[in-house]
Amino acid sequence: MFFLVCPSKMHPYIHPSVPRSPSSGSPAPLGPSNGANVQIPPRPDYANLNPRRPSEHWLNSLNPGWIDGASEPPIFFFSQEEIAMTMLTWNPGHPMFKPVVSAAPVPADSSALGQPPAYIDTTVAASDAPQAGAAQTGYQVSVVVHFSAPDLTNLTKTGIRSKPLLKQIKNTKLAIIDVIHMDRCAFIKAILAVHEYADDYSPGVNRGPPFKMSWTGSSGGRGHSAKPVL
């Protein structure tokens, strides 16, 4: 098994609420004009949308972003309302729906300064503050995992006991990774978490089978082939 990490390639995406014309396949003009012969599409009815389930990485993020790169294909969001509706549908217990309690004001009476302040539960607000910015820090990368699996499509009645042939499988996912401020072990843990392999593999000498990590166009490789770096 080896991983291939390279910059992601963005593909054009059209919101599912904007219909296509039957002849050309392009979005059909809808809604009122803005005076320059440009048709403005209507505002999606988020209350009646059935949003696609995002990845666990996006659902568990304290500050969900505009792109869920861990899904295949990636999911793009176009408004805060759409993000909130998707999160409310698939993860209604997310901290973004919990009210943040503000700090108690300082009493004007000097006699009350010696009294201990009333207890206020600010656990949610305190835990969100340092991690909210970190969720958006880094670069969007494409993590590709290649592995072999038995090809069950070619089994026949006479060959049930024979050894199945292996076929190569490729799986690609996108994620935001802060590659600039990571050491090698933290980077490997990050790319393993993108494909949910963090519990099965870990950098070190005492855990997990060996694997290769490569990038496209490495110096010393043949042409643009991937070269193992670990």
C-alpha atoms as a PDB file:
ATOM      1  CA  MET A   1       0.000   0.000   0.000  1.00  0.00           C
ATOM      2  CA  PHE A   2       1.296   3.494  -0.755  1.00  0.00           C
ATOM      3  CA  PHE A   3      -0.069   7.036  -0.629  1.00  0.00           C
ATOM      4  CA  LEU A   4       0.211   9.679  -3.335  1.00  0.00           C
ATOM      5  CA  VAL A   5      -0.110  13.320  -2.224  1.00  0.00           C
ATOM      6  CA  CYS A   6      -0.492  16.075  -4.845  1.00  0.00           C
ATOM      7  CA  PRO A   7      -2.311  19.407  -5.276  1.00  0.00           C
ATOM      8  CA  SER A   8      -5.991  18.963  -5.906  1.00  0.00           C
ATOM      9  CA  LYS A   9      -7.626  19.641  -9.257  1.00  0.00           C
ATOM     10  CA  MET A  10     -10.830  21.583  -8.952  1.00  0.00           C
ATOM     11  CA  HIS A  11     -13.697  20.579 -11.204  1.00  0.00           C
ATOM     12  CA  PRO A  12     -16.601  22.815 -12.209  1.00  0.00           C
ATOM     13  CA  TYR A  13     -19.595  22.362  -9.968  1.00  0.00           C
ATOM     14  CA  ILE A  14     -23.188  23.469 -10.461  1.00  0.00           C
ATOM     15  CA  HIS A  15     -25.492  23.711  -7.446  1.00  0.00           C
ATOM     16  CA  PRO A  16     -28.206  21.007  -7.582  1.00  0.00           C
ATOM     17  CA  SER A  17     -30.906  23.650  -7.142  1.00  0.00           C
ATOM     18  CA  VAL A  18     -30.008  25.291 -10.515  1.00  0.00           C
ATOM     19  CA  PRO A  19     -31.680  23.274 -13.332  1.00  0.00           C
ATOM     20  CA  ARG A  20     -30.059  22.604 -16.699  1.00  0.00           C
ATOM     21  CA  SER A  21     -31.552  23.327 -20.076  1.00  0.00           C
ATOM     22  CA  PRO A  22     -32.562  20.125 -21.920  1.00  0.00           C
ATOM     23  CA  SER A  23     -30.674  20.948 -25.145  1.00  0.00           C
ATOM     24  CA  SER A  24     -27.198  22.137 -24.144  1.00  0.00           C
ATOM     25  CA  GLY A  25     -26.938  20.839 -20.587  1.00  0.00           C
ATOM     26  CA  SER A  26     -25.980  24.284 -19.268  1.00  0.00           C
ATOM     27  CA  PRO A  27     -27.856  25.975 -16.399  1.00  0.00           C
ATOM     28  CA  ALA A  28     -31.158  27.410 -17.598  1.00  0.00           C
ATOM     29  CA  PRO A  29     -31.765  31.118 -16.870  1.00  0.00           C
ATOM     30  CA  LEU A  30     -34.176  31.541 -14.004  1.00  0.00           C
ATOM     31  CA  GLY A  31     -35.432  34.360 -11.810  1.00  0.00           C
ATOM     32  CA  PRO A  32     -35.638  38.114 -12.411  1.00  0.00           C
ATOM     33  CA  SER A  33     -33.146  40.132 -14.454  1.00  0.00           C
ATOM     34  CA  ASN A  34     -30.756  42.634 -12.856  1.00  0.00           C
ATOM     35  CA  GLY A  35     -31.087  45.087 -15.769  1.00  0.00           C
ATOM     36  CA  ALA A  36     -28.032  43.861 -17.711  1.00  0.00           C
ATOM     37  CA  ASN A  37     -29.721  40.896 -19.454  1.00  0.00           C
ATOM     38  CA  VAL A  38     -28.335  38.591 -16.758  1.00  0.00           C
ATOM     39  CA  GLN A  39     -30.824  36.242 -15.154  1.00  0.00           C
ATOM     40  CA  ILE A  40     -30.398  35.844 -11.409  1.00  0.00           C
ATOM     41  CA  PRO A  41     -31.102  32.269 -10.208  1.00  0.00           C
ATOM     42  CA  PRO A  42     -33.706  31.994  -7.461  1.00  0.00           C
ATOM     43  CA  ARG A  43     -32.659  31.515  -3.852  1.00  0.00           C
ATOM     44  CA  PRO A  44     -32.660  27.781  -2.990  1.00  0.00           C
ATOM     45  CA  ASP A  45     -35.327  26.619  -0.584  1.00  0.00           C
ATOM     46  CA  TYR A  46     -32.968  25.129   2.009  1.00  0.00           C
ATOM     47  CA  ALA A  47     -35.865  24.007   4.199  1.00  0.00           C
ATOM     48  CA  ASN A  48     -36.995  21.546   1.488  1.00  0.00           C
ATOM     49  CA  LEU A  49     -33.554  20.376   0.346  1.00  0.00           C
ATOM     50  CA  ASN A  50     -32.359  16.854   1.103  1.00  0.00           C
ATOM     51  CA  PRO A  51     -28.629  17.530   1.590  1.00  0.00           C
ATOM     52  CA  ARG A  52     -26.101  14.839   0.794  1.00  0.00           C
ATOM     53  CA  ARG A  53     -24.340  13.406   3.852  1.00  0.00           C
ATOM     54  CA  PRO A  54     -20.882  14.979   4.274  1.00  0.00           C
ATOM     55  CA  SER A  55     -17.821  13.143   5.544  1.00  0.00           C
ATOM     56  CA  GLU A  56     -17.235  12.468   9.238  1.00  0.00           C
ATOM     57  CA  HIS A  57     -14.260  14.854   9.100  1.00  0.00           C
ATOM     58  CA  TRP A  58     -16.529  17.720   8.008  1.00  0.00           C
ATOM     59  CA  LEU A  59     -19.360  16.819  10.413  1.00  0.00           C
ATOM     60  CA  ASN A  60     -16.993  16.708  13.405  1.00  0.00           C
ATOM     61  CA  SER A  61     -15.137  19.909  12.502  1.00  0.00           C
ATOM     62  CA  LEU A  62     -15.713  22.709  15.004  1.00  0.00           C
ATOM     63  CA  ASN A  63     -15.710  25.216  12.146  1.00  0.00           C
ATOM     64  CA  PRO A  64     -17.070  23.433   9.015  1.00  0.00           C
ATOM     65  CA  GLY A  65     -15.677  24.949   5.827  1.00  0.00           C
ATOM     66  CA  TRP A  66     -17.170  25.803   2.454  1.00  0.00           C
ATOM     67  CA  ILE A  67     -15.697  22.663   0.833  1.00  0.00           C
ATOM     68  CA  ASP A  68     -15.910  19.104   2.172  1.00  0.00           C
ATOM     69  CA  GLY A  69     -12.828  17.719   0.487  1.00  0.00           C
ATOM     70  CA  ALA A  70     -12.944  14.424   2.387  1.00  0.00           C
ATOM     71  CA  SER A  71     -16.059  13.356   0.440  1.00  0.00           C
ATOM     72  CA  GLU A  72     -15.828  11.711  -2.961  1.00  0.00           C
ATOM     73  CA  PRO A  73     -16.715  13.684  -5.000  1.00  0.00           C
ATOM     74  CA  PRO A  74     -16.142  16.855  -2.910  1.00  0.00           C
ATOM     75  CA  ILE A  75     -19.185  18.766  -1.626  1.00  0.00           C
ATOM     76  CA  PHE A  76     -19.322  22.538  -2.155  1.00  0.00           C
ATOM     77  CA  PHE A  77     -21.432  24.873  -0.018  1.00  0.00           C
ATOM     78  CA  PHE A  78     -22.605  28.274  -1.216  1.00  0.00           C
ATOM     79  CA  SER A  79     -23.969  29.972   1.916  1.00  0.00           C
ATOM     80  CA  GLN A  80     -23.830  29.805   5.694  1.00  0.00           C
ATOM     81  CA  GLU A  81     -27.505  28.836   5.636  1.00  0.00           C
ATOM     82  CA  GLU A  82     -26.740  25.774   3.508  1.00  0.00           C
ATOM     83  CA  ILE A  83     -23.894  24.774   5.848  1.00  0.00           C
ATOM     84  CA  ALA A  84     -26.154  25.146   8.890  1.00  0.00           C
ATOM     85  CA  MET A  85     -29.017  23.194   7.259  1.00  0.00           C
ATOM     86  CA  THR A  86     -26.667  20.336   6.261  1.00  0.00           C
ATOM     87  CA  MET A  87     -25.149  20.195   9.746  1.00  0.00           C
ATOM     88  CA  LEU A  88     -28.589  20.327  11.377  1.00  0.00           C
ATOM     89  CA  THR A  89     -29.737  17.407   9.186  1.00  0.00           C
ATOM     90  CA  TRP A  90     -26.787  15.077   9.835  1.00  0.00           C
ATOM     91  CA  ASN A  91     -25.315  16.297  13.147  1.00  0.00           C
ATOM     92  CA  PRO A  92     -27.911  18.256  15.158  1.00  0.00           C
ATOM     93  CA  GLY A  93     -25.764  18.047  18.299  1.00  0.00           C
ATOM     94  CA  HIS A  94     -22.906  20.068  16.775  1.00  0.00           C
ATOM     95  CA  PRO A  95     -21.481  22.798  19.066  1.00  0.00           C
ATOM     96  CA  MET A  96     -22.424  25.465  16.501  1.00  0.00           C
ATOM     97  CA  PHE A  97     -26.058  25.089  17.626  1.00  0.00           C
ATOM     98  CA  LYS A  98     -25.244  25.572  21.330  1.00  0.00           C
ATOM     99  CA  PRO A  99     -25.530  29.128  22.707  1.00  0.00           C
ATOM    100  CA  VAL A 100     -22.285  30.692  23.879  1.00  0.00           C
ATOM    101  CA  VAL A 101     -22.569  32.188  27.367  1.00  0.00           C
ATOM    102  CA  SER A 102     -20.915  35.595  27.628  1.00  0.00           C
ATOM    103  CA  ALA A 103     -18.807  36.577  30.621  1.00  0.00           C
ATOM    104  CA  ALA A 104     -20.527  38.250  33.562  1.00  0.00           C
ATOM    105  CA  PRO A 105     -20.133  42.068  33.666  1.00  0.00           C
ATOM    106  CA  VAL A 106     -17.978  43.607  36.389  1.00  0.00           C
ATOM    107  CA  PRO A 107     -20.240  45.019  39.137  1.00  0.00           C
ATOM    108  CA  ALA A 108     -20.129  48.803  39.559  1.00  0.00           C
ATOM    109  CA  ASP A 109     -20.440  48.547  43.352  1.00  0.00           C
ATOM    110  CA  SER A 110     -16.944  48.369  44.872  1.00  0.00           C
ATOM    111  CA  SER A 111     -18.283  46.320  47.786  1.00  0.00           C
ATOM    112  CA  ALA A 112     -19.044  43.450  45.422  1.00  0.00           C
ATOM    113  CA  LEU A 113     -15.463  43.254  44.106  1.00  0.00           C
ATOM    114  CA  GLY A 114     -14.398  41.095  47.009  1.00  0.00           C
ATOM    115  CA  GLN A 115     -17.081  38.499  46.309  1.00  0.00           C
ATOM    116  CA  PRO A 116     -16.170  35.434  44.204  1.00  0.00           C
ATOM    117  CA  PRO A 117     -17.694  35.621  40.686  1.00  0.00           C
ATOM    118  CA  ALA A 118     -20.638  33.420  39.822  1.00  0.00           C
ATOM    119  CA  TYR A 119     -19.708  30.219  37.971  1.00  0.00           C
ATOM    120  CA  ILE A 120     -20.363  30.357  34.237  1.00  0.00           C
ATOM    121  CA  ASP A 121     -19.927  27.292  32.035  1.00  0.00           C
ATOM    122  CA  THR A 122     -17.807  28.460  29.094  1.00  0.00           C
ATOM    123  CA  THR A 123     -16.407  25.056  28.152  1.00  0.00           C
ATOM    124  CA  VAL A 124     -17.781  25.129  24.611  1.00  0.00           C
ATOM    125  CA  ALA A 125     -16.601  28.675  23.871  1.00  0.00           C
ATOM    126  CA  ALA A 126     -13.122  28.070  25.304  1.00  0.00           C
ATOM    127  CA  SER A 127     -12.564  24.871  23.341  1.00  0.00           C
ATOM    128  CA  ASP A 128     -13.803  26.379  20.090  1.00  0.00           C
ATOM    129  CA  ALA A 129     -11.635  29.510  20.169  1.00  0.00           C
ATOM    130  CA  PRO A 130      -8.144  28.042  19.552  1.00  0.00           C
ATOM    131  CA  GLN A 131      -9.331  25.345  17.162  1.00  0.00           C
ATOM    132  CA  ALA A 132     -11.643  27.360  14.931  1.00  0.00           C
ATOM    133  CA  GLY A 133      -8.783  29.100  13.115  1.00  0.00           C
ATOM    134  CA  ALA A 134      -6.709  25.918  12.880  1.00  0.00           C
ATOM    135  CA  ALA A 135      -9.476  24.149  10.982  1.00  0.00           C
ATOM    136  CA  GLN A 136      -8.994  26.561   8.045  1.00  0.00           C
ATOM    137  CA  THR A 137      -5.159  26.712   8.161  1.00  0.00           C
ATOM    138  CA  GLY A 138      -3.094  24.871   5.581  1.00  0.00           C
ATOM    139  CA  TYR A 139      -3.377  23.783   1.964  1.00  0.00           C
ATOM    140  CA  GLN A 140      -5.972  21.710   0.149  1.00  0.00           C
ATOM    141  CA  VAL A 141      -4.276  18.502  -0.946  1.00  0.00           C
ATOM    142  CA  SER A 142      -5.399  15.358  -2.715  1.00  0.00           C
ATOM    143  CA  VAL A 143      -4.523  12.129  -0.885  1.00  0.00           C
ATOM    144  CA  VAL A 144      -4.593   9.024  -3.108  1.00  0.00           C
ATOM    145  CA  VAL A 145      -4.354   5.532  -1.643  1.00  0.00           C
ATOM    146  CA  HIS A 146      -3.537   2.517  -3.850  1.00  0.00           C
ATOM    147  CA  PHE A 147      -4.094  -1.017  -2.597  1.00  0.00           C
ATOM    148  CA  SER A 148      -4.767  -4.526  -3.900  1.00  0.00           C
ATOM    149  CA  ALA A 149      -7.980  -6.425  -3.230  1.00  0.00           C
ATOM    150  CA  PRO A 150      -9.390  -9.766  -4.452  1.00  0.00           C
ATOM    151  CA  ASP A 151     -11.286  -9.485  -7.731  1.00  0.00           C
ATOM    152  CA  LEU A 152     -14.558 -11.234  -6.877  1.00  0.00           C
ATOM    153  CA  THR A 153     -16.155 -10.457 -10.246  1.00  0.00           C
ATOM    154  CA  ASN A 154     -14.256 -13.228 -12.077  1.00  0.00           C
ATOM    155  CA  LEU A 155     -15.140 -16.114  -9.743  1.00  0.00           C
ATOM    156  CA  THR A 156     -16.846 -19.066 -11.440  1.00  0.00           C
ATOM    157  CA  LYS A 157     -18.594 -22.123 -10.093  1.00  0.00           C
ATOM    158  CA  THR A 158     -15.623 -24.325 -11.001  1.00  0.00           C
ATOM    159  CA  GLY A 159     -13.076 -21.928  -9.585  1.00  0.00           C
ATOM    160  CA  ILE A 160     -14.496 -21.249  -6.144  1.00  0.00           C
ATOM    161  CA  ARG A 161     -11.561 -22.923  -4.391  1.00  0.00           C
ATOM    162  CA  SER A 162      -8.943 -21.338  -6.611  1.00  0.00           C
ATOM    163  CA  LYS A 163      -6.993 -18.339  -5.391  1.00  0.00           C
ATOM    164  CA  PRO A 164      -8.770 -15.125  -6.493  1.00  0.00           C
ATOM    165  CA  LEU A 165      -6.907 -12.659  -8.662  1.00  0.00           C
ATOM    166  CA  LEU A 166      -5.881  -9.338  -7.175  1.00  0.00           C
ATOM    167  CA  LYS A 167      -6.864  -6.019  -8.732  1.00  0.00           C
ATOM    168  CA  GLN A 168      -5.478  -2.568  -8.056  1.00  0.00           C
ATOM    169  CA  ILE A 169      -7.879  -0.108  -6.387  1.00  0.00           C
ATOM    170  CA  LYS A 170      -7.381   3.659  -6.257  1.00  0.00           C
ATOM    171  CA  ASN A 171      -9.223   5.923  -3.817  1.00  0.00           C
ATOM    172  CA  THR A 172      -8.831   9.729  -3.800  1.00  0.00           C
ATOM    173  CA  LYS A 173      -9.955  12.187  -1.115  1.00  0.00           C
ATOM    174  CA  LEU A 174      -9.360  15.910  -0.545  1.00  0.00           C
ATOM    175  CA  ALA A 175      -8.499  17.560   2.777  1.00  0.00           C
ATOM    176  CA  ILE A 176      -7.036  20.749   4.271  1.00  0.00           C
ATOM    177  CA  ILE A 177      -3.618  19.923   5.787  1.00  0.00           C
ATOM    178  CA  ASP A 178      -1.218  22.414   7.386  1.00  0.00           C
ATOM    179  CA  VAL A 179       1.858  20.947   5.706  1.00  0.00           C
ATOM    180  CA  ILE A 180       4.065  23.984   6.442  1.00  0.00           C
ATOM    181  CA  HIS A 181       3.917  23.699  10.236  1.00  0.00           C
ATOM    182  CA  MET A 182       3.924  19.882  10.515  1.00  0.00           C
ATOM    183  CA  ASP A 183       6.793  17.507  11.119  1.00  0.00           C
ATOM    184  CA  ARG A 184       6.973  14.226   9.231  1.00  0.00           C
ATOM    185  CA  CYS A 185       5.105  12.142  11.823  1.00  0.00           C
ATOM    186  CA  ALA A 186       2.276  14.666  12.131  1.00  0.00           C
ATOM    187  CA  PHE A 187       1.957  14.826   8.337  1.00  0.00           C
ATOM    188  CA  ILE A 188       1.712  11.034   8.032  1.00  0.00           C
ATOM    189  CA  LYS A 189      -0.946  10.954  10.756  1.00  0.00           C
ATOM    190  CA  ALA A 190      -2.901  13.654   8.902  1.00  0.00           C
ATOM    191  CA  ILE A 191      -2.981  11.825   5.557  1.00  0.00           C
ATOM    192  CA  LEU A 192      -3.893   8.544   7.278  1.00  0.00           C
ATOM    193  CA  ALA A 193      -6.806  10.289   8.995  1.00  0.00           C
ATOM    194  CA  VAL A 194      -8.146  11.502   5.631  1.00  0.00           C
ATOM    195  CA  HIS A 195      -8.833   7.888   4.610  1.00  0.00           C
ATOM    196  CA  GLU A 196      -9.755   6.830   8.181  1.00  0.00           C
ATOM    197  CA  TYR A 197      -6.622   4.673   8.560  1.00  0.00           C
ATOM    198  CA  ALA A 198      -5.327   6.463  11.673  1.00  0.00           C
ATOM    199  CA  ASP A 199      -6.447   3.592  13.936  1.00  0.00           C
ATOM    200  CA  ASP A 200      -4.782   0.952  11.714  1.00  0.00           C
ATOM    201  CA  TYR A 201      -1.472   2.593  10.813  1.00  0.00           C
ATOM    202  CA  SER A 202       0.906   4.866  12.678  1.00  0.00           C
ATOM    203  CA  PRO A 203       4.459   6.155  12.029  1.00  0.00           C
ATOM    204  CA  GLY A 204       7.049   4.356  14.123  1.00  0.00           C
ATOM    205  CA  VAL A 205       8.793   1.009  14.494  1.00  0.00           C
ATOM    206  CA  ASN A 206       6.292  -0.776  16.743  1.00  0.00           C
ATOM    207  CA  ARG A 207       2.963  -0.364  14.925  1.00  0.00           C
ATOM    208  CA  GLY A 208       1.538  -1.295  11.572  1.00  0.00           C
ATOM    209  CA  PRO A 209       2.967  -2.913   8.423  1.00  0.00           C
ATOM    210  CA  PRO A 210       5.351  -0.905   6.203  1.00  0.00           C
ATOM    211  CA  PHE A 211       3.939   1.272   3.421  1.00  0.00           C
ATOM    212  CA  LYS A 212       5.213   3.739   0.833  1.00  0.00           C
ATOM    213  CA  MET A 213       4.443   7.450   0.636  1.00  0.00           C
ATOM    214  CA  SER A 214       5.150   9.158  -2.704  1.00  0.00           C
ATOM    215  CA  TRP A 215       4.443  12.329  -4.597  1.00  0.00           C
ATOM    216  CA  THR A 216       4.092  12.881  -8.332  1.00  0.00           C
ATOM    217  CA  GLY A 217       7.099  14.393 -10.107  1.00  0.00           C
ATOM    218  CA  SER A 218       9.654  13.679  -7.370  1.00  0.00           C
ATOM    219  CA  SER A 219      13.259  14.403  -8.407  1.00  0.00           C
ATOM    220  CA  GLY A 220      15.139  11.246  -9.286  1.00  0.00           C
ATOM    221  CA  GLY A 221      12.094   9.368 -10.533  1.00  0.00           C
ATOM    222  CA  ARG A 222      11.553   8.290 -14.122  1.00  0.00           C
ATOM    223  CA  GLY A 223       9.666  11.086 -15.854  1.00  0.00           C
ATOM    224  CA  HIS A 224       6.674  12.087 -13.763  1.00  0.00           C
ATOM    225  CA  SER A 225       6.393   8.784 -11.932  1.00  0.00           C
ATOM    226  CA  ALA A 226       5.883   8.676  -8.176  1.00  0.00           C
ATOM    227  CA  LYS A 227       8.968   8.200  -6.060  1.00  0.00           C
ATOM    228  CA  PRO A 228       8.811   6.765  -2.510  1.00  0.00           C
ATOM    229  CA  VAL A 229      10.117   9.151   0.123  1.00  0.00           C
ATOM    230  CA  LEU A 230       9.821   6.900   3.202  1.00  0.00           C
END
